[in-house]
Protein backbone atom coordinates (compact mmCIF):
# COMPACT_ATOMS: atom_id res chain seq x y z
CA UNK A 1 151.09 168.43 69.69
CA UNK A 2 150.25 165.46 67.53
CA UNK A 3 149.63 161.78 69.16
CA UNK A 4 153.01 160.34 67.87
CA UNK A 5 155.13 163.06 69.40
CA UNK A 6 153.17 162.77 72.84
CA UNK A 7 154.11 159.12 72.89
CA UNK A 8 157.63 159.77 71.90
CA UNK A 9 157.78 162.40 74.69
CA UNK A 10 156.35 159.70 77.07
CA UNK A 11 158.44 157.02 76.09
CA UNK A 12 161.67 159.35 76.45
CA UNK A 13 160.43 160.71 79.87
CA UNK A 14 159.95 156.87 80.80
CA UNK A 15 163.58 155.95 79.72
CA UNK A 16 165.14 158.80 81.73
CA UNK A 17 163.22 157.57 84.95
CA UNK A 18 164.37 153.95 84.29
CA UNK A 19 168.17 155.74 84.20
CA UNK A 20 167.39 157.53 87.01
CA UNK A 21 166.33 154.59 89.11
CA UNK A 22 169.34 152.56 87.80
CA UNK A 23 171.57 155.34 89.11
CA UNK A 24 169.84 155.25 92.36
CA UNK A 25 170.12 151.95 93.58
CA UNK A 26 170.44 152.95 97.06
CA UNK A 27 166.85 153.93 97.24
CA UNK A 28 164.94 150.95 98.28
CA UNK A 29 161.66 149.79 97.26
CA UNK A 30 160.16 149.95 100.47
CA UNK A 31 161.27 153.60 100.67
CA UNK A 32 159.71 154.33 97.17
CA UNK A 33 156.57 152.66 98.23
CA UNK A 34 156.36 154.69 101.54
CA UNK A 35 156.90 157.83 100.05
CA UNK A 36 155.05 157.39 96.48
CA UNK A 37 153.17 154.67 96.73
CA UNK A 38 154.98 152.64 93.98
CA UNK A 39 158.21 151.15 93.25
CA UNK A 40 160.41 149.32 90.66
CA UNK A 41 157.87 146.51 90.99
CA UNK A 42 155.08 148.42 90.58
CA UNK A 43 156.45 149.77 87.27
CA UNK A 44 157.59 146.26 86.21
CA UNK A 45 153.81 145.07 86.62
CA UNK A 46 152.51 148.12 84.86
CA UNK A 47 155.17 147.24 82.09
CA UNK A 48 154.02 143.85 81.80
CA UNK A 49 150.32 144.71 82.15
CA UNK A 50 150.68 147.12 79.21
CA UNK A 51 152.43 144.58 77.05
CA UNK A 52 149.77 141.76 77.76
CA UNK A 53 146.93 144.16 76.97
CA UNK A 54 148.70 144.58 73.37
CA UNK A 55 148.74 140.89 72.89
CA UNK A 56 152.70 140.47 73.95
CA UNK A 57 152.92 137.73 76.28
CA UNK A 58 155.41 138.88 78.84
CA UNK A 59 156.03 137.41 82.31
CA UNK A 60 156.77 138.93 85.35
CA UNK A 61 160.25 137.84 85.47
CA UNK A 62 160.60 139.46 82.05
CA UNK A 63 158.94 142.61 82.81
CA UNK A 64 161.10 142.99 86.01
CA UNK A 65 164.05 142.45 83.91
CA UNK A 66 163.21 145.47 81.73
CA UNK A 67 162.95 147.64 84.73
CA UNK A 68 165.72 146.25 86.89
CA UNK A 69 168.41 146.03 83.70
CA UNK A 70 169.25 142.42 84.91
CA UNK A 71 167.23 139.71 86.54
CA UNK A 72 165.46 140.84 89.55
CA UNK A 73 166.91 138.14 91.97
CA UNK A 74 170.66 139.30 90.84
CA UNK A 75 169.53 142.89 91.42
CA UNK A 76 167.94 142.13 94.73
CA UNK A 77 170.90 140.20 96.02
CA UNK A 78 173.40 142.84 95.01
CA UNK A 79 171.13 146.16 96.10
CA UNK A 80 168.27 145.32 98.48
CA UNK A 81 168.49 145.57 102.10
CA UNK A 82 166.62 144.26 104.68
CA UNK A 83 163.66 146.67 105.50
CA UNK A 84 164.30 148.09 109.14
CA UNK A 85 161.72 148.24 111.87
CA UNK A 86 160.88 151.78 110.99
CA UNK A 87 160.42 151.14 107.29
CA UNK A 88 158.18 148.24 107.88
CA UNK A 89 156.13 150.24 110.23
CA UNK A 90 155.76 153.32 107.87
CA UNK A 91 154.82 150.67 105.29
CA UNK A 92 152.22 149.38 107.75
CA UNK A 93 150.80 152.83 108.18
CA UNK A 94 150.65 153.85 104.64
CA UNK A 95 149.22 151.17 103.57
CA UNK A 96 146.75 150.32 106.12
CA UNK A 97 143.85 151.04 104.07
CA UNK A 98 145.13 149.67 100.69
CA UNK A 99 146.40 145.88 101.48
CA UNK A 100 146.43 144.95 97.54
CA UNK A 101 148.91 147.72 96.21
CA UNK A 102 152.23 146.10 97.78
CA UNK A 103 152.12 142.83 96.27
């Protein structure tokens, strides 16, 4: 496989991941963090870092809008629920050794 085809396949898979997450707004970021060690905010941070590494200035808010499909505050107000005590406890256990990951 040539490099361009690989990039195109990776981009297609990423777009499909975003579409899948968009269709699963019921899945809370804390659940994603507890199960996978990453969430939508992680994706937005990676997106921002990739842009910045290529000399494209992108703010945290702009990157989040790319991942969430709307301003993060709007998405949060519509779909994000308060974390339960169980979710918070699982998060604390999952990230006891990796405090910096959940910024």
